[in-house]
């Protein structure tokens, strides 16, 4: 008898039509990064937690400073790609988007959650892969930053707030000292060449 109920339930759930946001995430998803997909008014069928063995948010950068271009992408260990994305730079444990994204890859777009162009979203449900590289530019020093993404494999299968490793904000004092040392070195080389 339980088997009959299970078959009826699966048939009912499988026959429902899902309505998602194929043209991008709504502003109401900005802070929680939770998709607003609905299944005939009820909750989505499947949601995964903040860890994933399938997808990971990756950057090779260790540090960032004002004006740097930091490249970020999504690795997919099943190489099947993904259809939806909501990507932000945040301070660890923060809820606000930081910095600006530029030059979004095909099938993605920039949206404003807290500031202009501070979030990347999908613009359609065409397949995206690890070849889609997102470029983040910090407008000021934010200290530590993590890249946080919600990745949708489909309307009903997605991972919420996957996090990259943390990158550090470069100290202005460090850059000032480096510039001073380079200027002094340049001066010494120039002086040595004159004699």
C-alpha atoms as a PDB file:
ATOM      1  CA  UNK A   1       0.000   0.000   0.000  1.00  0.00           C
ATOM      2  CA  UNK A   2       2.881   2.391   0.792  1.00  0.00           C
ATOM      3  CA  UNK A   3       4.255   1.707  -2.674  1.00  0.00           C
ATOM      4  CA  UNK A   4       0.967   2.852  -4.239  1.00  0.00           C
ATOM      5  CA  UNK A   5       1.085   6.134  -2.261  1.00  0.00           C
ATOM      6  CA  UNK A   6       4.716   6.658  -3.262  1.00  0.00           C
ATOM      7  CA  UNK A   7       3.911   6.116  -6.958  1.00  0.00           C
ATOM      8  CA  UNK A   8       0.950   8.532  -6.723  1.00  0.00           C
ATOM      9  CA  UNK A   9       3.130  11.150  -4.997  1.00  0.00           C
ATOM     10  CA  UNK A  10       5.945  10.843  -7.538  1.00  0.00           C
ATOM     11  CA  UNK A  11       3.449  11.041 -10.414  1.00  0.00           C
ATOM     12  CA  UNK A  12       1.839  14.147  -8.896  1.00  0.00           C
ATOM     13  CA  UNK A  13       5.142  15.913  -8.263  1.00  0.00           C
ATOM     14  CA  UNK A  14       6.529  14.900 -11.654  1.00  0.00           C
ATOM     15  CA  UNK A  15       3.465  16.239 -13.473  1.00  0.00           C
ATOM     16  CA  UNK A  16       3.637  19.718 -11.945  1.00  0.00           C
ATOM     17  CA  UNK A  17       5.002  22.571 -14.024  1.00  0.00           C
ATOM     18  CA  UNK A  18       7.790  24.623 -12.544  1.00  0.00           C
ATOM     19  CA  UNK A  19       8.097  28.350 -12.936  1.00  0.00           C
ATOM     20  CA  UNK A  20      11.535  29.778 -12.455  1.00  0.00           C
ATOM     21  CA  UNK A  21      13.389  32.909 -13.463  1.00  0.00           C
ATOM     22  CA  UNK A  22      14.991  31.962 -16.780  1.00  0.00           C
ATOM     23  CA  UNK A  23      16.004  35.558 -17.529  1.00  0.00           C
ATOM     24  CA  UNK A  24      17.847  36.137 -14.262  1.00  0.00           C
ATOM     25  CA  UNK A  25      17.525  36.273 -10.510  1.00  0.00           C
ATOM     26  CA  UNK A  26      15.015  38.697  -9.000  1.00  0.00           C
ATOM     27  CA  UNK A  27      16.160  41.426  -6.590  1.00  0.00           C
ATOM     28  CA  UNK A  28      14.432  39.532  -3.771  1.00  0.00           C
ATOM     29  CA  UNK A  29      17.186  36.881  -4.026  1.00  0.00           C
ATOM     30  CA  UNK A  30      20.079  39.295  -3.458  1.00  0.00           C
ATOM     31  CA  UNK A  31      20.731  38.837   0.279  1.00  0.00           C
ATOM     32  CA  UNK A  32      19.767  35.213   0.899  1.00  0.00           C
ATOM     33  CA  UNK A  33      20.825  34.107  -2.595  1.00  0.00           C
ATOM     34  CA  UNK A  34      17.953  31.633  -2.387  1.00  0.00           C
ATOM     35  CA  UNK A  35      16.253  31.008  -5.722  1.00  0.00           C
ATOM     36  CA  UNK A  36      12.595  31.967  -5.868  1.00  0.00           C
ATOM     37  CA  UNK A  37      11.630  29.019  -8.055  1.00  0.00           C
ATOM     38  CA  UNK A  38       8.129  27.737  -7.424  1.00  0.00           C
ATOM     39  CA  UNK A  39       6.417  24.459  -8.199  1.00  0.00           C
ATOM     40  CA  UNK A  40       2.762  25.462  -8.593  1.00  0.00           C
ATOM     41  CA  UNK A  41       2.939  27.636  -5.487  1.00  0.00           C
ATOM     42  CA  UNK A  42       4.792  25.135  -3.317  1.00  0.00           C
ATOM     43  CA  UNK A  43       8.485  24.941  -2.483  1.00  0.00           C
ATOM     44  CA  UNK A  44      11.110  23.635  -4.855  1.00  0.00           C
ATOM     45  CA  UNK A  45      11.540  19.872  -4.948  1.00  0.00           C
ATOM     46  CA  UNK A  46      15.248  19.732  -4.090  1.00  0.00           C
ATOM     47  CA  UNK A  47      17.657  22.128  -2.446  1.00  0.00           C
ATOM     48  CA  UNK A  48      21.241  21.366  -1.523  1.00  0.00           C
ATOM     49  CA  UNK A  49      23.157  23.019   1.288  1.00  0.00           C
ATOM     50  CA  UNK A  50      26.186  25.318   1.224  1.00  0.00           C
ATOM     51  CA  UNK A  51      28.626  22.583   0.284  1.00  0.00           C
ATOM     52  CA  UNK A  52      28.805  20.702  -2.965  1.00  0.00           C
ATOM     53  CA  UNK A  53      30.927  17.918  -4.324  1.00  0.00           C
ATOM     54  CA  UNK A  54      29.721  18.814  -7.813  1.00  0.00           C
ATOM     55  CA  UNK A  55      30.414  22.554  -8.103  1.00  0.00           C
ATOM     56  CA  UNK A  56      33.006  24.853  -6.578  1.00  0.00           C
ATOM     57  CA  UNK A  57      33.619  28.596  -6.874  1.00  0.00           C
ATOM     58  CA  UNK A  58      37.251  29.206  -7.833  1.00  0.00           C
ATOM     59  CA  UNK A  59      39.701  32.081  -8.110  1.00  0.00           C
ATOM     60  CA  UNK A  60      43.464  31.918  -8.441  1.00  0.00           C
ATOM     61  CA  UNK A  61      43.868  35.310  -6.770  1.00  0.00           C
ATOM     62  CA  UNK A  62      45.326  35.443  -3.279  1.00  0.00           C
ATOM     63  CA  UNK A  63      44.962  39.208  -2.825  1.00  0.00           C
ATOM     64  CA  UNK A  64      43.039  42.121  -4.263  1.00  0.00           C
ATOM     65  CA  UNK A  65      43.541  45.858  -4.359  1.00  0.00           C
ATOM     66  CA  UNK A  66      41.600  48.764  -5.827  1.00  0.00           C
ATOM     67  CA  UNK A  67      41.328  48.469  -9.604  1.00  0.00           C
ATOM     68  CA  UNK A  68      42.627  44.886  -9.840  1.00  0.00           C
ATOM     69  CA  UNK A  69      40.747  42.455 -12.062  1.00  0.00           C
ATOM     70  CA  UNK A  70      40.037  39.238 -10.166  1.00  0.00           C
ATOM     71  CA  UNK A  71      38.856  36.315 -12.282  1.00  0.00           C
ATOM     72  CA  UNK A  72      36.325  33.847 -10.873  1.00  0.00           C
ATOM     73  CA  UNK A  73      34.736  30.745 -12.396  1.00  0.00           C
ATOM     74  CA  UNK A  74      32.670  27.713 -11.421  1.00  0.00           C
ATOM     75  CA  UNK A  75      34.319  24.300 -11.569  1.00  0.00           C
ATOM     76  CA  UNK A  76      32.018  21.369 -12.300  1.00  0.00           C
ATOM     77  CA  UNK A  77      33.438  17.944 -11.516  1.00  0.00           C
ATOM     78  CA  UNK A  78      30.750  16.253 -13.634  1.00  0.00           C
ATOM     79  CA  UNK A  79      31.483  18.561 -16.608  1.00  0.00           C
ATOM     80  CA  UNK A  80      27.780  18.915 -17.323  1.00  0.00           C
ATOM     81  CA  UNK A  81      27.748  22.680 -16.759  1.00  0.00           C
ATOM     82  CA  UNK A  82      25.051  24.730 -15.051  1.00  0.00           C
ATOM     83  CA  UNK A  83      22.060  26.771 -16.161  1.00  0.00           C
ATOM     84  CA  UNK A  84      21.662  29.420 -13.483  1.00  0.00           C
ATOM     85  CA  UNK A  85      24.026  31.516 -11.398  1.00  0.00           C
ATOM     86  CA  UNK A  86      23.874  34.295  -8.831  1.00  0.00           C
ATOM     87  CA  UNK A  87      27.427  35.425  -7.980  1.00  0.00           C
ATOM     88  CA  UNK A  88      28.658  38.096  -5.563  1.00  0.00           C
ATOM     89  CA  UNK A  89      31.845  39.177  -3.806  1.00  0.00           C
ATOM     90  CA  UNK A  90      31.189  39.446  -0.045  1.00  0.00           C
ATOM     91  CA  UNK A  91      33.140  39.880   3.128  1.00  0.00           C
ATOM     92  CA  UNK A  92      33.223  36.547   5.007  1.00  0.00           C
ATOM     93  CA  UNK A  93      29.860  36.017   6.738  1.00  0.00           C
ATOM     94  CA  UNK A  94      28.578  39.222   5.097  1.00  0.00           C
ATOM     95  CA  UNK A  95      25.269  39.613   3.293  1.00  0.00           C
ATOM     96  CA  UNK A  96      26.020  42.580   1.014  1.00  0.00           C
ATOM     97  CA  UNK A  97      27.612  42.506  -2.420  1.00  0.00           C
ATOM     98  CA  UNK A  98      30.940  44.318  -2.725  1.00  0.00           C
ATOM     99  CA  UNK A  99      32.803  45.730  -5.723  1.00  0.00           C
ATOM    100  CA  UNK A 100      31.805  45.704  -9.370  1.00  0.00           C
ATOM    101  CA  UNK A 101      31.670  42.966 -11.991  1.00  0.00           C
ATOM    102  CA  UNK A 102      32.479  43.727 -15.613  1.00  0.00           C
ATOM    103  CA  UNK A 103      32.299  42.109 -19.058  1.00  0.00           C
ATOM    104  CA  UNK A 104      29.873  39.300 -18.206  1.00  0.00           C
ATOM    105  CA  UNK A 105      30.231  36.143 -20.323  1.00  0.00           C
ATOM    106  CA  UNK A 106      27.547  35.165 -22.827  1.00  0.00           C
ATOM    107  CA  UNK A 107      24.253  34.064 -21.257  1.00  0.00           C
ATOM    108  CA  UNK A 108      24.894  36.086 -18.088  1.00  0.00           C
ATOM    109  CA  UNK A 109      24.260  39.687 -17.079  1.00  0.00           C
ATOM    110  CA  UNK A 110      25.103  42.191 -14.359  1.00  0.00           C
ATOM    111  CA  UNK A 111      22.492  43.334 -11.846  1.00  0.00           C
ATOM    112  CA  UNK A 112      22.487  45.778  -8.937  1.00  0.00           C
ATOM    113  CA  UNK A 113      21.769  44.382  -5.480  1.00  0.00           C
ATOM    114  CA  UNK A 114      23.530  46.919  -3.231  1.00  0.00           C
ATOM    115  CA  UNK A 115      25.481  49.019  -5.746  1.00  0.00           C
ATOM    116  CA  UNK A 116      25.550  49.135  -9.554  1.00  0.00           C
ATOM    117  CA  UNK A 117      26.752  45.932 -11.281  1.00  0.00           C
ATOM    118  CA  UNK A 118      27.693  44.248  -7.996  1.00  0.00           C
ATOM    119  CA  UNK A 119      26.116  40.877  -8.856  1.00  0.00           C
ATOM    120  CA  UNK A 120      26.246  38.426 -11.770  1.00  0.00           C
ATOM    121  CA  UNK A 121      23.104  36.523 -12.776  1.00  0.00           C
ATOM    122  CA  UNK A 122      22.139  34.272 -15.652  1.00  0.00           C
ATOM    123  CA  UNK A 123      20.307  35.952 -18.532  1.00  0.00           C
ATOM    124  CA  UNK A 124      18.837  32.688 -19.838  1.00  0.00           C
ATOM    125  CA  UNK A 125      19.012  28.960 -19.138  1.00  0.00           C
ATOM    126  CA  UNK A 126      21.611  28.180 -21.795  1.00  0.00           C
ATOM    127  CA  UNK A 127      24.431  26.004 -20.524  1.00  0.00           C
ATOM    128  CA  UNK A 128      27.348  27.720 -18.751  1.00  0.00           C
ATOM    129  CA  UNK A 129      30.684  26.003 -18.047  1.00  0.00           C
ATOM    130  CA  UNK A 130      34.057  26.484 -16.345  1.00  0.00           C
ATOM    131  CA  UNK A 131      35.071  28.396 -19.488  1.00  0.00           C
ATOM    132  CA  UNK A 132      32.752  31.215 -18.425  1.00  0.00           C
ATOM    133  CA  UNK A 133      35.048  33.512 -16.440  1.00  0.00           C
ATOM    134  CA  UNK A 134      33.614  36.360 -14.383  1.00  0.00           C
ATOM    135  CA  UNK A 135      35.705  39.503 -13.748  1.00  0.00           C
ATOM    136  CA  UNK A 136      35.405  41.339 -10.425  1.00  0.00           C
ATOM    137  CA  UNK A 137      36.971  44.760  -9.796  1.00  0.00           C
ATOM    138  CA  UNK A 138      37.115  46.163  -6.259  1.00  0.00           C
ATOM    139  CA  UNK A 139      36.313  49.867  -6.110  1.00  0.00           C
ATOM    140  CA  UNK A 140      37.908  50.212  -2.684  1.00  0.00           C
ATOM    141  CA  UNK A 141      39.751  48.101  -0.153  1.00  0.00           C
ATOM    142  CA  UNK A 142      37.363  45.602   1.408  1.00  0.00           C
ATOM    143  CA  UNK A 143      39.800  43.537   3.422  1.00  0.00           C
ATOM    144  CA  UNK A 144      38.994  39.837   3.165  1.00  0.00           C
ATOM    145  CA  UNK A 145      36.622  38.806   0.345  1.00  0.00           C
ATOM    146  CA  UNK A 146      34.918  35.554  -0.622  1.00  0.00           C
ATOM    147  CA  UNK A 147      33.054  34.868  -3.828  1.00  0.00           C
ATOM    148  CA  UNK A 148      29.642  33.449  -3.036  1.00  0.00           C
ATOM    149  CA  UNK A 149      27.409  31.789  -5.630  1.00  0.00           C
ATOM    150  CA  UNK A 150      24.140  29.998  -5.978  1.00  0.00           C
ATOM    151  CA  UNK A 151      24.409  27.523  -8.844  1.00  0.00           C
ATOM    152  CA  UNK A 152      21.386  25.930 -10.520  1.00  0.00           C
ATOM    153  CA  UNK A 153      21.825  22.722 -12.478  1.00  0.00           C
ATOM    154  CA  UNK A 154      18.096  22.946 -13.213  1.00  0.00           C
ATOM    155  CA  UNK A 155      15.044  24.717 -11.779  1.00  0.00           C
ATOM    156  CA  UNK A 156      14.698  22.173  -9.013  1.00  0.00           C
ATOM    157  CA  UNK A 157      18.347  21.244  -8.328  1.00  0.00           C
ATOM    158  CA  UNK A 158      20.577  23.998  -7.013  1.00  0.00           C
ATOM    159  CA  UNK A 159      23.247  24.789  -4.435  1.00  0.00           C
ATOM    160  CA  UNK A 160      22.911  27.941  -2.322  1.00  0.00           C
ATOM    161  CA  UNK A 161      25.811  30.172  -1.213  1.00  0.00           C
ATOM    162  CA  UNK A 162      28.755  28.085  -2.344  1.00  0.00           C
ATOM    163  CA  UNK A 163      31.896  29.928  -1.228  1.00  0.00           C
ATOM    164  CA  UNK A 164      35.355  30.325  -2.706  1.00  0.00           C
ATOM    165  CA  UNK A 165      38.504  30.491  -0.659  1.00  0.00           C
ATOM    166  CA  UNK A 166      39.075  33.870   0.997  1.00  0.00           C
ATOM    167  CA  UNK A 167      41.310  36.435  -0.682  1.00  0.00           C
ATOM    168  CA  UNK A 168      42.948  39.260   1.236  1.00  0.00           C
ATOM    169  CA  UNK A 169      42.832  42.965   0.602  1.00  0.00           C
ATOM    170  CA  UNK A 170      46.296  44.316  -0.077  1.00  0.00           C
ATOM    171  CA  UNK A 171      47.485  46.894   2.391  1.00  0.00           C
ATOM    172  CA  UNK A 172      47.921  50.423   1.036  1.00  0.00           C
ATOM    173  CA  UNK A 173      50.957  50.736   3.293  1.00  0.00           C
ATOM    174  CA  UNK A 174      52.513  47.699   1.628  1.00  0.00           C
ATOM    175  CA  UNK A 175      51.982  49.233  -1.820  1.00  0.00           C
ATOM    176  CA  UNK A 176      53.319  52.586  -0.631  1.00  0.00           C
ATOM    177  CA  UNK A 177      56.459  50.918   0.730  1.00  0.00           C
ATOM    178  CA  UNK A 178      56.923  48.927  -2.497  1.00  0.00           C
ATOM    179  CA  UNK A 179      56.541  52.072  -4.579  1.00  0.00           C
ATOM    180  CA  UNK A 180      59.066  53.886  -2.373  1.00  0.00           C
ATOM    181  CA  UNK A 181      61.567  51.030  -2.705  1.00  0.00           C
ATOM    182  CA  UNK A 182      61.088  50.899  -6.496  1.00  0.00           C
ATOM    183  CA  UNK A 183      61.528  54.664  -6.766  1.00  0.00           C
ATOM    184  CA  UNK A 184      64.728  54.503  -4.703  1.00  0.00           C
ATOM    185  CA  UNK A 185      66.007  51.563  -6.759  1.00  0.00           C
ATOM    186  CA  UNK A 186      65.237  53.434  -9.974  1.00  0.00           C
ATOM    187  CA  UNK A 187      67.078  56.489  -8.661  1.00  0.00           C
ATOM    188  CA  UNK A 188      70.144  54.415  -7.706  1.00  0.00           C
ATOM    189  CA  UNK A 189      70.255  52.673 -11.089  1.00  0.00           C
ATOM    190  CA  UNK A 190      69.899  55.988 -12.912  1.00  0.00           C
ATOM    191  CA  UNK A 191      72.610  57.564 -10.755  1.00  0.00           C
ATOM    192  CA  UNK A 192      74.941  54.592 -11.280  1.00  0.00           C
ATOM    193  CA  UNK A 193      74.487  54.746 -15.056  1.00  0.00           C
ATOM    194  CA  UNK A 194      75.435  58.456 -15.105  1.00  0.00           C
ATOM    195  CA  UNK A 195      78.842  57.799 -13.589  1.00  0.00           C
END
